[in-house]
Amino acid sequence: MINTEFWHTIYHDNSFQVSNLGRVRATVPAIHSEHNYKSRLTYEQVILIRHLHWNGRSNLDISKMFGYSHGAICNITARRRWRDI
């Protein structure tokens, strides 16, 4: 039988995550946005993308301007990516 108090504590503690194998390990903080080594955009470019979108430019036009996919630009303008800006 699973101790429900233990799992409740782990589930609501953001510093722990449960892997697929059922082991409990500490969460490794993710490197966000411009500081990620794979990032191709800078803070200024993301701000410009959102500014263009808010002023009526379509995501397709913006994606062609920056050489990014349409889906990537949609994720930036909807704040699913680059949330910290």
PDB file of N, CA and C in Angstrom:
ATOM      1  N   MET A   1       0.846  -1.183   0.000  1.00  0.00           N
ATOM      2  CA  MET A   1       0.000   0.000   0.000  1.00  0.00           C
ATOM      3  C   MET A   1       0.890   1.243   0.000  1.00  0.00           C
ATOM      4  N   ILE A   2       0.540   2.242  -0.783  1.00  0.00           N
ATOM      5  CA  ILE A   2       1.312   3.472  -0.901  1.00  0.00           C
ATOM      6  C   ILE A   2       0.917   4.434   0.206  1.00  0.00           C
ATOM      7  N   ASN A   3       1.925   5.003   0.821  1.00  0.00           N
ATOM      8  CA  ASN A   3       1.679   6.008   1.852  1.00  0.00           C
ATOM      9  C   ASN A   3       1.214   7.283   1.158  1.00  0.00           C
ATOM     10  N   THR A   4      -0.057   7.636   1.285  1.00  0.00           N
ATOM     11  CA  THR A   4      -0.614   8.784   0.565  1.00  0.00           C
ATOM     12  C   THR A   4      -0.049  10.103   1.064  1.00  0.00           C
ATOM     13  N   GLU A   5       0.313  10.183   2.324  1.00  0.00           N
ATOM     14  CA  GLU A   5       0.884  11.425   2.841  1.00  0.00           C
ATOM     15  C   GLU A   5       2.221  11.713   2.179  1.00  0.00           C
ATOM     16  N   PHE A   6       3.038  10.671   1.986  1.00  0.00           N
ATOM     17  CA  PHE A   6       4.328  10.838   1.321  1.00  0.00           C
ATOM     18  C   PHE A   6       4.143  11.348  -0.103  1.00  0.00           C
ATOM     19  N   TRP A   7       3.267  10.711  -0.878  1.00  0.00           N
ATOM     20  CA  TRP A   7       3.060  11.117  -2.261  1.00  0.00           C
ATOM     21  C   TRP A   7       2.417  12.490  -2.363  1.00  0.00           C
ATOM     22  N   HIS A   8       1.556  12.820  -1.426  1.00  0.00           N
ATOM     23  CA  HIS A   8       0.953  14.153  -1.414  1.00  0.00           C
ATOM     24  C   HIS A   8       2.026  15.220  -1.199  1.00  0.00           C
ATOM     25  N   THR A   9       2.962  14.952  -0.275  1.00  0.00           N
ATOM     26  CA  THR A   9       4.043  15.903  -0.004  1.00  0.00           C
ATOM     27  C   THR A   9       4.941  16.056  -1.214  1.00  0.00           C
ATOM     28  N   ILE A  10       5.320  14.957  -1.843  1.00  0.00           N
ATOM     29  CA  ILE A  10       6.187  15.006  -3.015  1.00  0.00           C
ATOM     30  C   ILE A  10       5.482  15.702  -4.174  1.00  0.00           C
ATOM     31  N   TYR A  11       4.204  15.414  -4.356  1.00  0.00           N
ATOM     32  CA  TYR A  11       3.459  15.973  -5.480  1.00  0.00           C
ATOM     33  C   TYR A  11       3.374  17.493  -5.393  1.00  0.00           C
ATOM     34  N   HIS A  12       3.215  18.046  -4.215  1.00  0.00           N
ATOM     35  CA  HIS A  12       3.040  19.489  -4.066  1.00  0.00           C
ATOM     36  C   HIS A  12       4.336  20.233  -3.803  1.00  0.00           C
ATOM     37  N   ASP A  13       5.458  19.535  -3.704  1.00  0.00           N
ATOM     38  CA  ASP A  13       6.745  20.185  -3.495  1.00  0.00           C
ATOM     39  C   ASP A  13       7.408  20.371  -4.856  1.00  0.00           C
ATOM     40  N   ASN A  14       7.609  21.627  -5.279  1.00  0.00           N
ATOM     41  CA  ASN A  14       8.151  21.904  -6.603  1.00  0.00           C
ATOM     42  C   ASN A  14       9.624  21.551  -6.747  1.00  0.00           C
ATOM     43  N   SER A  15      10.316  21.268  -5.655  1.00  0.00           N
ATOM     44  CA  SER A  15      11.723  20.941  -5.757  1.00  0.00           C
ATOM     45  C   SER A  15      11.961  19.461  -6.034  1.00  0.00           C
ATOM     46  N   PHE A  16      10.907  18.658  -6.137  1.00  0.00           N
ATOM     47  CA  PHE A  16      11.033  17.236  -6.437  1.00  0.00           C
ATOM     48  C   PHE A  16      10.146  16.871  -7.618  1.00  0.00           C
ATOM     49  N   GLN A  17      10.606  15.903  -8.379  1.00  0.00           N
ATOM     50  CA  GLN A  17       9.770  15.350  -9.427  1.00  0.00           C
ATOM     51  C   GLN A  17       9.904  13.839  -9.411  1.00  0.00           C
ATOM     52  N   VAL A  18       8.879  13.165  -9.867  1.00  0.00           N
ATOM     53  CA  VAL A  18       8.872  11.710  -9.889  1.00  0.00           C
ATOM     54  C   VAL A  18       9.118  11.271 -11.323  1.00  0.00           C
ATOM     55  N   SER A  19      10.145  10.457 -11.543  1.00  0.00           N
ATOM     56  CA  SER A  19      10.457  10.001 -12.891  1.00  0.00           C
ATOM     57  C   SER A  19       9.491   8.896 -13.309  1.00  0.00           C
ATOM     58  N   ASN A  20       9.623   8.444 -14.546  1.00  0.00           N
ATOM     59  CA  ASN A  20       8.759   7.380 -15.054  1.00  0.00           C
ATOM     60  C   ASN A  20       8.979   6.065 -14.315  1.00  0.00           C
ATOM     61  N   LEU A  21      10.161   5.877 -13.745  1.00  0.00           N
ATOM     62  CA  LEU A  21      10.458   4.630 -13.055  1.00  0.00           C
ATOM     63  C   LEU A  21      10.041   4.664 -11.598  1.00  0.00           C
ATOM     64  N   GLY A  22       9.463   5.746 -11.144  1.00  0.00           N
ATOM     65  CA  GLY A  22       8.978   5.832  -9.778  1.00  0.00           C
ATOM     66  C   GLY A  22      10.023   6.320  -8.786  1.00  0.00           C
ATOM     67  N   ARG A  23      11.210   6.676  -9.265  1.00  0.00           N
ATOM     68  CA  ARG A  23      12.226   7.201  -8.356  1.00  0.00           C
ATOM     69  C   ARG A  23      11.994   8.682  -8.124  1.00  0.00           C
ATOM     70  N   VAL A  24      12.321   9.132  -6.941  1.00  0.00           N
ATOM     71  CA  VAL A  24      12.157  10.547  -6.614  1.00  0.00           C
ATOM     72  C   VAL A  24      13.527  11.198  -6.687  1.00  0.00           C
ATOM     73  N   ARG A  25      13.627  12.291  -7.431  1.00  0.00           N
ATOM     74  CA  ARG A  25      14.902  12.994  -7.542  1.00  0.00           C
ATOM     75  C   ARG A  25      14.657  14.494  -7.530  1.00  0.00           C
ATOM     76  N   ALA A  26      15.686  15.215  -7.170  1.00  0.00           N
ATOM     77  CA  ALA A  26      15.570  16.680  -7.138  1.00  0.00           C
ATOM     78  C   ALA A  26      15.459  17.220  -8.555  1.00  0.00           C
ATOM     79  N   THR A  27      14.678  18.272  -8.728  1.00  0.00           N
ATOM     80  CA  THR A  27      14.497  18.893 -10.032  1.00  0.00           C
ATOM     81  C   THR A  27      15.712  19.744 -10.367  1.00  0.00           C
ATOM     82  N   VAL A  28      16.216  19.595 -11.572  1.00  0.00           N
ATOM     83  CA  VAL A  28      17.337  20.403 -12.038  1.00  0.00           C
ATOM     84  C   VAL A  28      16.749  21.661 -12.653  1.00  0.00           C
ATOM     85  N   PRO A  29      17.170  22.846 -12.207  1.00  0.00           N
ATOM     86  CA  PRO A  29      16.607  24.067 -12.778  1.00  0.00           C
ATOM     87  C   PRO A  29      16.994  24.212 -14.250  1.00  0.00           C
ATOM     88  N   ALA A  30      16.043  24.585 -15.072  1.00  0.00           N
ATOM     89  CA  ALA A  30      16.287  24.751 -16.500  1.00  0.00           C
ATOM     90  C   ALA A  30      16.954  26.097 -16.765  1.00  0.00           C
ATOM     91  N   ILE A  31      17.789  26.124 -17.769  1.00  0.00           N
ATOM     92  CA  ILE A  31      18.412  27.376 -18.190  1.00  0.00           C
ATOM     93  C   ILE A  31      17.455  28.029 -19.172  1.00  0.00           C
ATOM     94  N   HIS A  32      17.060  29.250 -18.889  1.00  0.00           N
ATOM     95  CA  HIS A  32      16.012  29.895 -19.654  1.00  0.00           C
ATOM     96  C   HIS A  32      16.554  30.829 -20.718  1.00  0.00           C
ATOM     97  N   SER A  33      15.811  30.981 -21.747  1.00  0.00           N
ATOM     98  CA  SER A  33      15.875  32.011 -22.757  1.00  0.00           C
ATOM     99  C   SER A  33      17.239  32.230 -23.354  1.00  0.00           C
ATOM    100  N   GLU A  34      17.711  33.455 -23.303  1.00  0.00           N
ATOM    101  CA  GLU A  34      18.940  33.846 -23.980  1.00  0.00           C
ATOM    102  C   GLU A  34      20.171  33.152 -23.412  1.00  0.00           C
ATOM    103  N   HIS A  35      20.096  32.704 -22.178  1.00  0.00           N
ATOM    104  CA  HIS A  35      21.254  32.091 -21.533  1.00  0.00           C
ATOM    105  C   HIS A  35      21.417  30.617 -21.898  1.00  0.00           C
ATOM    106  N   ASN A  36      20.478  30.069 -22.639  1.00  0.00           N
ATOM    107  CA  ASN A  36      20.589  28.692 -23.105  1.00  0.00           C
ATOM    108  C   ASN A  36      21.543  28.662 -24.295  1.00  0.00           C
ATOM    109  N   TYR A  37      22.445  27.695 -24.346  1.00  0.00           N
ATOM    110  CA  TYR A  37      23.440  27.655 -25.416  1.00  0.00           C
ATOM    111  C   TYR A  37      22.823  27.362 -26.781  1.00  0.00           C
ATOM    112  N   LYS A  38      21.625  26.829 -26.838  1.00  0.00           N
ATOM    113  CA  LYS A  38      20.966  26.551 -28.112  1.00  0.00           C
ATOM    114  C   LYS A  38      20.121  27.718 -28.613  1.00  0.00           C
ATOM    115  N   SER A  39      20.009  28.755 -27.851  1.00  0.00           N
ATOM    116  CA  SER A  39      19.144  29.871 -28.194  1.00  0.00           C
ATOM    117  C   SER A  39      19.684  30.614 -29.413  1.00  0.00           C
ATOM    118  N   ARG A  40      18.808  30.876 -30.372  1.00  0.00           N
ATOM    119  CA  ARG A  40      19.182  31.643 -31.562  1.00  0.00           C
ATOM    120  C   ARG A  40      18.662  33.072 -31.499  1.00  0.00           C
ATOM    121  N   LEU A  41      17.819  33.368 -30.538  1.00  0.00           N
ATOM    122  CA  LEU A  41      17.241  34.708 -30.409  1.00  0.00           C
ATOM    123  C   LEU A  41      17.813  35.411 -29.191  1.00  0.00           C
ATOM    124  N   THR A  42      17.762  36.726 -29.224  1.00  0.00           N
ATOM    125  CA  THR A  42      18.149  37.535 -28.072  1.00  0.00           C
ATOM    126  C   THR A  42      16.895  38.146 -27.467  1.00  0.00           C
ATOM    127  N   TYR A  43      17.051  38.746 -26.290  1.00  0.00           N
ATOM    128  CA  TYR A  43      15.920  39.405 -25.637  1.00  0.00           C
ATOM    129  C   TYR A  43      15.329  40.491 -26.534  1.00  0.00           C
ATOM    130  N   GLU A  44      16.185  41.260 -27.183  1.00  0.00           N
ATOM    131  CA  GLU A  44      15.713  42.354 -28.032  1.00  0.00           C
ATOM    132  C   GLU A  44      14.875  41.830 -29.200  1.00  0.00           C
ATOM    133  N   GLN A  45      15.299  40.702 -29.782  1.00  0.00           N
ATOM    134  CA  GLN A  45      14.543  40.134 -30.893  1.00  0.00           C
ATOM    135  C   GLN A  45      13.181  39.623 -30.445  1.00  0.00           C
ATOM    136  N   VAL A  46      13.122  39.025 -29.267  1.00  0.00           N
ATOM    137  CA  VAL A  46      11.835  38.528 -28.754  1.00  0.00           C
ATOM    138  C   VAL A  46      10.899  39.687 -28.457  1.00  0.00           C
ATOM    139  N   ILE A  47      11.422  40.748 -27.888  1.00  0.00           N
ATOM    140  CA  ILE A  47      10.603  41.934 -27.624  1.00  0.00           C
ATOM    141  C   ILE A  47      10.097  42.521 -28.937  1.00  0.00           C
ATOM    142  N   LEU A  48      10.954  42.556 -29.963  1.00  0.00           N
ATOM    143  CA  LEU A  48      10.549  43.058 -31.271  1.00  0.00           C
ATOM    144  C   LEU A  48       9.478  42.164 -31.902  1.00  0.00           C
ATOM    145  N   ILE A  49       9.613  40.851 -31.774  1.00  0.00           N
ATOM    146  CA  ILE A  49       8.606  39.916 -32.307  1.00  0.00           C
ATOM    147  C   ILE A  49       7.252  40.180 -31.664  1.00  0.00           C
ATOM    148  N   ARG A  50       7.236  40.315 -30.348  1.00  0.00           N
ATOM    149  CA  ARG A  50       5.958  40.566 -29.661  1.00  0.00           C
ATOM    150  C   ARG A  50       5.399  41.937 -30.010  1.00  0.00           C
ATOM    151  N   HIS A  51       6.264  42.927 -30.154  1.00  0.00           N
ATOM    152  CA  HIS A  51       5.816  44.270 -30.519  1.00  0.00           C
ATOM    153  C   HIS A  51       5.183  44.256 -31.916  1.00  0.00           C
ATOM    154  N   LEU A  52       5.831  43.586 -32.866  1.00  0.00           N
ATOM    155  CA  LEU A  52       5.272  43.491 -34.213  1.00  0.00           C
ATOM    156  C   LEU A  52       3.928  42.773 -34.209  1.00  0.00           C
ATOM    157  N   HIS A  53       3.815  41.720 -33.416  1.00  0.00           N
ATOM    158  CA  HIS A  53       2.564  40.966 -33.334  1.00  0.00           C
ATOM    159  C   HIS A  53       1.447  41.819 -32.736  1.00  0.00           C
ATOM    160  N   TRP A  54       1.748  42.545 -31.680  1.00  0.00           N
ATOM    161  CA  TRP A  54       0.731  43.386 -31.032  1.00  0.00           C
ATOM    162  C   TRP A  54       0.293  44.535 -31.924  1.00  0.00           C
ATOM    163  N   ASN A  55       1.152  44.951 -32.855  1.00  0.00           N
ATOM    164  CA  ASN A  55       0.803  46.038 -33.765  1.00  0.00           C
ATOM    165  C   ASN A  55       0.179  45.538 -35.062  1.00  0.00           C
ATOM    166  N   GLY A  56      -0.245  44.266 -35.091  1.00  0.00           N
ATOM    167  CA  GLY A  56      -1.032  43.781 -36.210  1.00  0.00           C
ATOM    168  C   GLY A  56      -0.283  42.978 -37.256  1.00  0.00           C
ATOM    169  N   ARG A  57       0.989  42.762 -37.103  1.00  0.00           N
ATOM    170  CA  ARG A  57       1.740  41.953 -38.070  1.00  0.00           C
ATOM    171  C   ARG A  57       1.384  40.487 -37.862  1.00  0.00           C
ATOM    172  N   SER A  58       1.238  39.743 -38.931  1.00  0.00           N
ATOM    173  CA  SER A  58       0.872  38.329 -38.800  1.00  0.00           C
ATOM    174  C   SER A  58       2.093  37.510 -38.383  1.00  0.00           C
ATOM    175  N   ASN A  59       1.819  36.392 -37.727  1.00  0.00           N
ATOM    176  CA  ASN A  59       2.900  35.512 -37.293  1.00  0.00           C
ATOM    177  C   ASN A  59       3.660  34.937 -38.482  1.00  0.00           C
ATOM    178  N   LEU A  60       2.984  34.732 -39.601  1.00  0.00           N
ATOM    179  CA  LEU A  60       3.640  34.211 -40.793  1.00  0.00           C
ATOM    180  C   LEU A  60       4.649  35.216 -41.343  1.00  0.00           C
ATOM    181  N   ASP A  61       4.272  36.510 -41.378  1.00  0.00           N
ATOM    182  CA  ASP A  61       5.205  37.546 -41.828  1.00  0.00           C
ATOM    183  C   ASP A  61       6.412  37.644 -40.896  1.00  0.00           C
ATOM    184  N   ILE A  62       6.155  37.577 -39.612  1.00  0.00           N
ATOM    185  CA  ILE A  62       7.245  37.669 -38.633  1.00  0.00           C
ATOM    186  C   ILE A  62       8.174  36.468 -38.765  1.00  0.00           C
ATOM    187  N   SER A  63       7.608  35.280 -39.001  1.00  0.00           N
ATOM    188  CA  SER A  63       8.449  34.090 -39.135  1.00  0.00           C
ATOM    189  C   SER A  63       9.360  34.188 -40.352  1.00  0.00           C
ATOM    190  N   LYS A  64       8.870  34.772 -41.421  1.00  0.00           N
ATOM    191  CA  LYS A  64       9.712  34.970 -42.614  1.00  0.00           C
ATOM    192  C   LYS A  64      10.802  36.004 -42.357  1.00  0.00           C
ATOM    193  N   MET A  65      10.500  37.042 -41.584  1.00  0.00           N
ATOM    194  CA  MET A  65      11.483  38.079 -41.276  1.00  0.00           C
ATOM    195  C   MET A  65      12.661  37.518 -40.472  1.00  0.00           C
ATOM    196  N   PHE A  66      12.350  36.654 -39.511  1.00  0.00           N
ATOM    197  CA  PHE A  66      13.374  36.155 -38.593  1.00  0.00           C
ATOM    198  C   PHE A  66      13.930  34.788 -38.990  1.00  0.00           C
ATOM    199  N   GLY A  67      13.342  34.150 -39.991  1.00  0.00           N
ATOM    200  CA  GLY A  67      13.820  32.842 -40.412  1.00  0.00           C
ATOM    201  C   GLY A  67      13.483  31.730 -39.430  1.00  0.00           C
ATOM    202  N   TYR A  68      12.397  31.900 -38.726  1.00  0.00           N
ATOM    203  CA  TYR A  68      11.908  30.907 -37.773  1.00  0.00           C
ATOM    204  C   TYR A  68      10.656  30.266 -38.332  1.00  0.00           C
ATOM    205  N   SER A  69      10.262  29.144 -37.753  1.00  0.00           N
ATOM    206  CA  SER A  69       9.024  28.504 -38.200  1.00  0.00           C
ATOM    207  C   SER A  69       7.811  29.275 -37.660  1.00  0.00           C
ATOM    208  N   HIS A  70       6.700  29.086 -38.314  1.00  0.00           N
ATOM    209  CA  HIS A  70       5.462  29.744 -37.903  1.00  0.00           C
ATOM    210  C   HIS A  70       5.071  29.313 -36.493  1.00  0.00           C
ATOM    211  N   GLY A  71       5.221  28.037 -36.189  1.00  0.00           N
ATOM    212  CA  GLY A  71       4.874  27.519 -34.865  1.00  0.00           C
ATOM    213  C   GLY A  71       5.737  28.114 -33.762  1.00  0.00           C
ATOM    214  N   ALA A  72       7.012  28.314 -34.041  1.00  0.00           N
ATOM    215  CA  ALA A  72       7.903  28.907 -33.039  1.00  0.00           C
ATOM    216  C   ALA A  72       7.494  30.339 -32.729  1.00  0.00           C
ATOM    217  N   ILE A  73       7.148  31.092 -33.750  1.00  0.00           N
ATOM    218  CA  ILE A  73       6.705  32.479 -33.540  1.00  0.00           C
ATOM    219  C   ILE A  73       5.376  32.498 -32.793  1.00  0.00           C
ATOM    220  N   CYS A  74       4.473  31.579 -33.104  1.00  0.00           N
ATOM    221  CA  CYS A  74       3.200  31.495 -32.378  1.00  0.00           C
ATOM    222  C   CYS A  74       3.436  31.212 -30.901  1.00  0.00           C
ATOM    223  N   ASN A  75       4.390  30.339 -30.586  1.00  0.00           N
ATOM    224  CA  ASN A  75       4.700  30.028 -29.193  1.00  0.00           C
ATOM    225  C   ASN A  75       5.304  31.227 -28.470  1.00  0.00           C
ATOM    226  N   ILE A  76       6.085  32.035 -29.163  1.00  0.00           N
ATOM    227  CA  ILE A  76       6.671  33.224 -28.540  1.00  0.00           C
ATOM    228  C   ILE A  76       5.598  34.276 -28.283  1.00  0.00           C
ATOM    229  N   THR A  77       4.741  34.515 -29.274  1.00  0.00           N
ATOM    230  CA  THR A  77       3.720  35.555 -29.102  1.00  0.00           C
ATOM    231  C   THR A  77       2.647  35.143 -28.107  1.00  0.00           C
ATOM    232  N   ALA A  78       2.391  33.850 -27.963  1.00  0.00           N
ATOM    233  CA  ALA A  78       1.396  33.366 -26.994  1.00  0.00           C
ATOM    234  C   ALA A  78       2.012  33.162 -25.614  1.00  0.00           C
ATOM    235  N   ARG A  79       3.297  33.466 -25.459  1.00  0.00           N
ATOM    236  CA  ARG A  79       4.045  33.347 -24.200  1.00  0.00           C
ATOM    237  C   ARG A  79       4.155  31.912 -23.692  1.00  0.00           C
ATOM    238  N   ARG A  80       4.144  30.944 -24.603  1.00  0.00           N
ATOM    239  CA  ARG A  80       4.448  29.576 -24.217  1.00  0.00           C
ATOM    240  C   ARG A  80       5.962  29.374 -24.187  1.00  0.00           C
ATOM    241  N   ARG A  81       6.695  30.200 -24.920  1.00  0.00           N
ATOM    242  CA  ARG A  81       8.149  30.220 -24.903  1.00  0.00           C
ATOM    243  C   ARG A  81       8.596  31.626 -24.545  1.00  0.00           C
ATOM    244  N   TRP A  82       9.765  31.728 -23.983  1.00  0.00           N
ATOM    245  CA  TRP A  82      10.330  33.016 -23.546  1.00  0.00           C
ATOM    246  C   TRP A  82       9.379  33.730 -22.589  1.00  0.00           C
ATOM    247  N   ARG A  83       8.871  33.007 -21.591  1.00  0.00           N
ATOM    248  CA  ARG A  83       7.915  33.566 -20.629  1.00  0.00           C
ATOM    249  C   ARG A  83       8.531  34.617 -19.714  1.00  0.00           C
ATOM    250  N   ASP A  84       9.830  34.540 -19.506  1.00  0.00           N
ATOM    251  CA  ASP A  84      10.459  35.440 -18.540  1.00  0.00           C
ATOM    252  C   ASP A  84      10.629  36.856 -19.072  1.00  0.00           C
ATOM    253  N   ILE A  85      10.242  37.090 -20.321  1.00  0.00           N
ATOM    254  CA  ILE A  85      10.343  38.449 -20.879  1.00  0.00           C
ATOM    255  C   ILE A  85       8.959  39.036 -20.964  1.00  0.00           C
TER     256      ILE A  85
END
